[in-house]
N, C-alpha and C. Protein backbone atom coordinates (compact mmCIF):
# COMPACT_ATOMS: atom_id res chain seq x y z
N UNK A 1 14.17 -5.33 3.19
CA UNK A 1 13.18 -6.13 3.82
C UNK A 1 13.36 -6.12 5.34
N UNK A 2 14.60 -6.00 5.77
CA UNK A 2 14.85 -5.93 7.20
C UNK A 2 14.13 -4.73 7.81
N UNK A 3 14.16 -3.59 7.13
CA UNK A 3 13.50 -2.38 7.65
C UNK A 3 12.00 -2.61 7.79
N UNK A 4 11.40 -3.31 6.84
CA UNK A 4 9.98 -3.61 6.93
C UNK A 4 9.71 -4.48 8.16
N UNK A 5 10.53 -5.49 8.35
CA UNK A 5 10.39 -6.39 9.49
C UNK A 5 10.56 -5.62 10.80
N UNK A 6 11.58 -4.79 10.86
CA UNK A 6 11.86 -4.03 12.09
C UNK A 6 10.72 -3.08 12.45
N UNK A 7 10.06 -2.54 11.44
CA UNK A 7 8.98 -1.58 11.68
C UNK A 7 7.59 -2.24 11.67
N UNK A 8 7.57 -3.55 11.49
CA UNK A 8 6.33 -4.33 11.47
C UNK A 8 5.35 -3.82 10.42
N UNK A 9 5.85 -3.56 9.22
CA UNK A 9 5.00 -3.17 8.10
C UNK A 9 5.14 -4.20 6.99
N UNK A 10 4.10 -4.31 6.19
CA UNK A 10 4.09 -5.33 5.14
C UNK A 10 3.91 -4.75 3.74
N UNK A 11 3.83 -3.42 3.66
CA UNK A 11 3.68 -2.72 2.39
C UNK A 11 4.53 -1.46 2.41
N UNK A 12 5.08 -1.09 1.25
CA UNK A 12 5.83 0.16 1.12
C UNK A 12 5.39 0.89 -0.13
N UNK A 13 5.32 2.21 -0.03
CA UNK A 13 5.12 3.04 -1.22
C UNK A 13 6.47 3.18 -1.91
N UNK A 14 6.48 3.15 -3.25
CA UNK A 14 7.70 3.30 -4.02
C UNK A 14 7.53 4.53 -4.91
N UNK A 15 8.41 5.52 -4.72
CA UNK A 15 8.34 6.76 -5.49
C UNK A 15 9.67 6.93 -6.20
N UNK A 16 9.60 7.11 -7.53
CA UNK A 16 10.80 7.31 -8.34
C UNK A 16 10.98 8.79 -8.64
N UNK A 17 12.17 9.17 -9.10
CA UNK A 17 12.46 10.56 -9.42
C UNK A 17 11.50 11.14 -10.45
N UNK A 18 11.03 10.30 -11.38
CA UNK A 18 10.14 10.80 -12.43
C UNK A 18 8.69 10.87 -11.97
N UNK A 19 8.45 10.64 -10.69
CA UNK A 19 7.11 10.75 -10.14
C UNK A 19 6.30 9.47 -10.22
N UNK A 20 6.84 8.41 -10.82
CA UNK A 20 6.12 7.14 -10.89
C UNK A 20 5.95 6.61 -9.49
N UNK A 21 4.74 6.13 -9.19
CA UNK A 21 4.44 5.65 -7.85
C UNK A 21 4.01 4.20 -7.94
N UNK A 22 4.55 3.37 -7.04
CA UNK A 22 4.19 1.96 -7.00
C UNK A 22 3.95 1.53 -5.57
N UNK A 23 3.56 0.29 -5.41
CA UNK A 23 3.30 -0.30 -4.11
C UNK A 23 3.92 -1.68 -4.10
N UNK A 24 4.71 -1.98 -3.09
CA UNK A 24 5.36 -3.28 -2.99
C UNK A 24 5.04 -3.89 -1.63
N UNK A 25 4.78 -5.19 -1.63
CA UNK A 25 4.46 -5.90 -0.38
C UNK A 25 5.59 -6.87 -0.06
N UNK A 26 5.56 -7.39 1.16
CA UNK A 26 6.56 -8.39 1.53
C UNK A 26 6.46 -9.60 0.62
N UNK A 27 5.25 -9.97 0.22
CA UNK A 27 5.08 -11.10 -0.69
C UNK A 27 5.74 -10.82 -2.04
N UNK A 28 5.59 -9.59 -2.55
CA UNK A 28 6.26 -9.21 -3.81
C UNK A 28 7.77 -9.35 -3.67
N UNK A 29 8.30 -8.86 -2.57
CA UNK A 29 9.75 -8.92 -2.35
C UNK A 29 10.24 -10.36 -2.25
N UNK A 30 9.50 -11.18 -1.53
CA UNK A 30 9.90 -12.58 -1.39
C UNK A 30 9.87 -13.31 -2.73
N UNK A 31 8.83 -13.04 -3.54
CA UNK A 31 8.77 -13.64 -4.87
C UNK A 31 9.95 -13.20 -5.71
N UNK A 32 10.30 -11.92 -5.62
CA UNK A 32 11.43 -11.40 -6.38
C UNK A 32 12.75 -12.01 -5.96
N UNK A 33 12.94 -12.14 -4.66
CA UNK A 33 14.17 -12.75 -4.15
C UNK A 33 14.26 -14.20 -4.60
N UNK A 34 13.15 -14.91 -4.50
CA UNK A 34 13.15 -16.33 -4.89
C UNK A 34 13.43 -16.48 -6.38
N UNK A 35 12.91 -15.58 -7.20
CA UNK A 35 13.09 -15.68 -8.64
C UNK A 35 14.50 -15.29 -9.08
N UNK A 36 15.10 -14.35 -8.42
CA UNK A 36 16.37 -13.80 -8.87
C UNK A 36 17.60 -14.33 -8.12
N UNK A 37 17.43 -14.63 -6.85
CA UNK A 37 18.57 -15.01 -6.03
C UNK A 37 19.21 -16.28 -6.57
N UNK A 38 20.49 -16.39 -6.65
CA UNK A 38 21.52 -15.37 -6.42
C UNK A 38 22.00 -14.73 -7.72
N UNK A 39 21.19 -14.70 -8.75
CA UNK A 39 21.63 -14.25 -10.07
C UNK A 39 22.08 -12.80 -10.12
N UNK A 40 21.32 -11.88 -9.53
CA UNK A 40 21.62 -10.47 -9.67
C UNK A 40 20.96 -9.67 -8.56
N UNK A 41 21.30 -8.42 -8.48
CA UNK A 41 20.65 -7.52 -7.51
C UNK A 41 19.27 -7.17 -8.05
N UNK A 42 18.27 -7.27 -7.21
CA UNK A 42 16.89 -6.96 -7.59
C UNK A 42 16.50 -5.65 -6.93
N UNK A 43 15.96 -4.72 -7.72
CA UNK A 43 15.52 -3.44 -7.15
C UNK A 43 14.06 -3.54 -6.72
N UNK A 44 13.70 -2.78 -5.73
CA UNK A 44 12.32 -2.74 -5.25
C UNK A 44 11.40 -2.27 -6.37
N UNK A 45 11.83 -1.29 -7.13
CA UNK A 45 11.03 -0.76 -8.21
C UNK A 45 10.66 -1.79 -9.26
N UNK A 46 11.52 -2.76 -9.47
CA UNK A 46 11.23 -3.79 -10.47
C UNK A 46 10.18 -4.79 -9.98
N UNK A 47 9.90 -4.81 -8.69
CA UNK A 47 8.95 -5.76 -8.12
C UNK A 47 7.59 -5.15 -7.79
N UNK A 48 7.52 -3.84 -7.75
CA UNK A 48 6.28 -3.22 -7.28
C UNK A 48 5.23 -3.11 -8.38
N UNK A 49 3.99 -3.00 -7.93
CA UNK A 49 2.87 -2.80 -8.83
C UNK A 49 2.85 -1.34 -9.27
N UNK A 50 2.95 -1.13 -10.57
CA UNK A 50 2.92 0.23 -11.09
C UNK A 50 1.97 0.29 -12.26
N UNK A 51 1.10 1.24 -12.34
CA UNK A 51 0.86 2.21 -11.27
C UNK A 51 0.14 1.55 -10.11
N UNK A 52 0.41 2.06 -8.94
CA UNK A 52 -0.21 1.50 -7.74
C UNK A 52 -1.64 2.00 -7.61
N UNK A 53 -2.51 1.18 -7.06
CA UNK A 53 -3.84 1.68 -6.75
C UNK A 53 -3.71 2.77 -5.69
N UNK A 54 -4.45 3.84 -5.88
CA UNK A 54 -4.32 4.97 -4.96
C UNK A 54 -5.68 5.60 -4.72
N UNK A 55 -5.82 6.19 -3.56
CA UNK A 55 -7.02 6.95 -3.19
C UNK A 55 -6.56 8.27 -2.61
N UNK A 56 -7.45 9.25 -2.66
CA UNK A 56 -7.17 10.53 -2.02
C UNK A 56 -7.47 10.42 -0.53
N UNK A 57 -6.74 11.16 0.26
CA UNK A 57 -6.95 11.13 1.71
C UNK A 57 -8.38 11.54 2.08
N UNK A 58 -9.02 12.31 1.23
CA UNK A 58 -10.38 12.76 1.51
C UNK A 58 -11.45 11.78 1.04
N UNK A 59 -11.06 10.69 0.37
CA UNK A 59 -12.03 9.68 -0.08
C UNK A 59 -12.59 8.90 1.10
N UNK A 60 -13.79 8.37 0.93
CA UNK A 60 -14.39 7.51 1.94
C UNK A 60 -13.72 6.14 1.94
N UNK A 61 -13.85 5.43 3.06
CA UNK A 61 -13.21 4.12 3.15
C UNK A 61 -13.81 3.13 2.16
N UNK A 62 -15.07 3.36 1.75
CA UNK A 62 -15.66 2.46 0.75
C UNK A 62 -14.94 2.60 -0.59
N UNK A 63 -14.42 3.79 -0.89
CA UNK A 63 -13.64 4.00 -2.12
C UNK A 63 -12.33 3.22 -2.03
N UNK A 64 -11.69 3.26 -0.87
CA UNK A 64 -10.45 2.51 -0.67
C UNK A 64 -10.70 1.01 -0.81
N UNK A 65 -11.77 0.53 -0.19
CA UNK A 65 -12.10 -0.89 -0.27
C UNK A 65 -12.37 -1.31 -1.71
N UNK A 66 -13.13 -0.49 -2.45
CA UNK A 66 -13.43 -0.83 -3.84
C UNK A 66 -12.16 -0.79 -4.70
N UNK A 67 -11.26 0.13 -4.41
CA UNK A 67 -9.99 0.20 -5.15
C UNK A 67 -9.16 -1.06 -4.93
N UNK A 68 -9.15 -1.56 -3.70
CA UNK A 68 -8.43 -2.81 -3.41
C UNK A 68 -9.06 -3.97 -4.17
N UNK A 69 -10.38 -4.03 -4.16
CA UNK A 69 -11.09 -5.11 -4.87
C UNK A 69 -10.77 -5.04 -6.36
N UNK A 70 -10.90 -3.84 -6.94
CA UNK A 70 -10.68 -3.67 -8.37
C UNK A 70 -9.25 -4.04 -8.78
N UNK A 71 -8.28 -3.68 -7.93
CA UNK A 71 -6.87 -3.94 -8.23
C UNK A 71 -6.41 -5.32 -7.78
N UNK A 72 -7.30 -6.04 -7.09
CA UNK A 72 -6.96 -7.36 -6.55
C UNK A 72 -5.69 -7.31 -5.71
N UNK A 73 -5.71 -6.37 -4.77
CA UNK A 73 -4.58 -6.18 -3.88
C UNK A 73 -5.11 -5.94 -2.46
N UNK A 74 -4.22 -5.94 -1.50
CA UNK A 74 -4.65 -5.72 -0.12
C UNK A 74 -4.12 -4.41 0.44
N UNK A 75 -3.75 -3.50 -0.45
CA UNK A 75 -3.29 -2.20 0.00
C UNK A 75 -3.41 -1.16 -1.10
N UNK A 76 -3.58 0.10 -0.69
CA UNK A 76 -3.61 1.22 -1.62
C UNK A 76 -2.77 2.35 -1.05
N UNK A 77 -2.24 3.18 -1.95
CA UNK A 77 -1.54 4.38 -1.52
C UNK A 77 -2.56 5.44 -1.15
N UNK A 78 -2.28 6.19 -0.11
CA UNK A 78 -3.12 7.31 0.28
C UNK A 78 -2.38 8.57 -0.15
N UNK A 79 -3.05 9.37 -1.01
CA UNK A 79 -2.43 10.54 -1.60
C UNK A 79 -3.09 11.82 -1.09
N UNK A 80 -2.30 12.87 -1.00
CA UNK A 80 -2.82 14.20 -0.69
C UNK A 80 -1.97 15.19 -1.47
N UNK A 81 -2.63 16.00 -2.30
CA UNK A 81 -1.96 17.01 -3.12
C UNK A 81 -0.87 16.38 -3.99
N UNK A 82 -1.15 15.18 -4.52
CA UNK A 82 -0.20 14.52 -5.41
C UNK A 82 0.97 13.84 -4.73
N UNK A 83 0.99 13.84 -3.40
CA UNK A 83 2.10 13.24 -2.65
C UNK A 83 1.59 12.04 -1.87
N UNK A 84 2.44 11.03 -1.75
CA UNK A 84 2.10 9.85 -0.95
C UNK A 84 2.10 10.25 0.52
N UNK A 85 0.98 9.98 1.19
CA UNK A 85 0.86 10.27 2.61
C UNK A 85 0.92 9.01 3.45
N UNK A 86 0.72 7.86 2.82
CA UNK A 86 0.77 6.61 3.56
C UNK A 86 0.26 5.46 2.73
N UNK A 87 0.18 4.32 3.36
CA UNK A 87 -0.35 3.10 2.75
C UNK A 87 -1.50 2.62 3.63
N UNK A 88 -2.64 2.42 3.02
CA UNK A 88 -3.79 1.89 3.72
C UNK A 88 -3.97 0.44 3.29
N UNK A 89 -4.08 -0.47 4.26
CA UNK A 89 -4.18 -1.89 3.95
C UNK A 89 -5.55 -2.44 4.33
N UNK A 90 -5.81 -3.65 3.86
CA UNK A 90 -7.05 -4.32 4.21
C UNK A 90 -7.15 -4.50 5.72
N UNK A 91 -6.03 -4.74 6.37
CA UNK A 91 -6.03 -4.88 7.83
C UNK A 91 -6.47 -3.57 8.48
N UNK A 92 -6.01 -2.43 7.94
CA UNK A 92 -6.44 -1.14 8.47
C UNK A 92 -7.95 -0.96 8.33
N UNK A 93 -8.50 -1.38 7.19
CA UNK A 93 -9.95 -1.26 6.98
C UNK A 93 -10.71 -2.15 7.95
N UNK A 94 -10.24 -3.36 8.16
CA UNK A 94 -10.91 -4.28 9.10
C UNK A 94 -10.85 -3.69 10.51
N UNK A 95 -9.71 -3.14 10.91
CA UNK A 95 -9.60 -2.51 12.23
C UNK A 95 -10.59 -1.37 12.37
N UNK A 96 -10.70 -0.56 11.32
CA UNK A 96 -11.62 0.57 11.35
C UNK A 96 -13.06 0.10 11.52
N UNK A 97 -13.44 -0.93 10.81
CA UNK A 97 -14.79 -1.47 10.90
C UNK A 97 -15.01 -2.07 12.29
N UNK A 98 -14.02 -2.78 12.82
CA UNK A 98 -14.15 -3.44 14.12
C UNK A 98 -14.26 -2.44 15.26
N UNK A 99 -13.77 -1.23 15.06
CA UNK A 99 -13.83 -0.22 16.13
C UNK A 99 -15.23 0.32 16.34
N UNK A 100 -16.15 -0.06 15.49
CA UNK A 100 -17.52 0.36 15.72
C UNK A 100 -18.15 0.97 14.50
N UNK A 101 -19.42 1.30 14.64
CA UNK A 101 -20.15 1.89 13.52
C UNK A 101 -19.49 3.19 13.06
N UNK A 102 -19.45 3.35 11.75
CA UNK A 102 -18.89 4.58 11.20
C UNK A 102 -19.94 5.26 10.35
N UNK A 103 -19.74 6.49 10.12
CA UNK A 103 -20.63 7.25 9.27
C UNK A 103 -20.40 6.85 7.82
N UNK A 104 -21.45 6.78 7.00
CA UNK A 104 -21.23 6.54 5.58
C UNK A 104 -20.30 7.62 5.03
N UNK A 105 -19.35 7.19 4.22
CA UNK A 105 -18.41 8.15 3.65
C UNK A 105 -17.28 8.52 4.59
N UNK A 106 -17.04 7.69 5.63
CA UNK A 106 -15.93 7.95 6.54
C UNK A 106 -14.67 8.16 5.71
N UNK A 107 -13.88 9.14 6.05
CA UNK A 107 -12.73 9.52 5.23
C UNK A 107 -11.50 8.70 5.56
N UNK A 108 -10.60 8.64 4.59
CA UNK A 108 -9.34 7.92 4.72
C UNK A 108 -8.29 8.91 5.20
N UNK A 109 -8.53 9.55 6.34
CA UNK A 109 -7.62 10.59 6.82
C UNK A 109 -6.37 10.02 7.48
N UNK A 110 -6.49 8.87 8.12
CA UNK A 110 -5.29 8.31 8.74
C UNK A 110 -4.38 7.77 7.66
N UNK A 111 -3.12 7.59 8.00
CA UNK A 111 -2.14 7.25 6.99
C UNK A 111 -1.78 5.78 6.98
N UNK A 112 -2.54 4.96 7.65
CA UNK A 112 -2.31 3.52 7.58
C UNK A 112 -0.97 3.10 8.18
N UNK A 113 -0.98 1.98 8.85
CA UNK A 113 0.24 1.44 9.44
C UNK A 113 1.03 0.65 8.45
N UNK A 114 0.36 0.10 7.45
CA UNK A 114 1.06 -0.69 6.45
C UNK A 114 1.14 -2.15 6.79
N UNK A 115 0.14 -2.69 7.43
CA UNK A 115 0.15 -4.11 7.78
C UNK A 115 -0.06 -4.97 6.59
């Protein structure tokens, strides 16, 4: 959690050796710490949403927004060729919209800051 704080990010992609992909937020981590502390060591993988909502980097931002709505989350993994390229958050979408009019089907090419 310290690394998330130091880098000012609020979401992390979680990738396991078997290819399982999840998404964990600071809220997930805090809930996990509160539930388990001081009983045992809690792994990030045990707290993340799996499977994580994901979009392709070539998808439009409306696809990312709908994925967040459907999954009832504020972030999605951005994938390219089956690999995690970043995390796109609701804050990233709001920033994109606030920067001005966009073309319908604007792509999710940036890799998100993870706010």
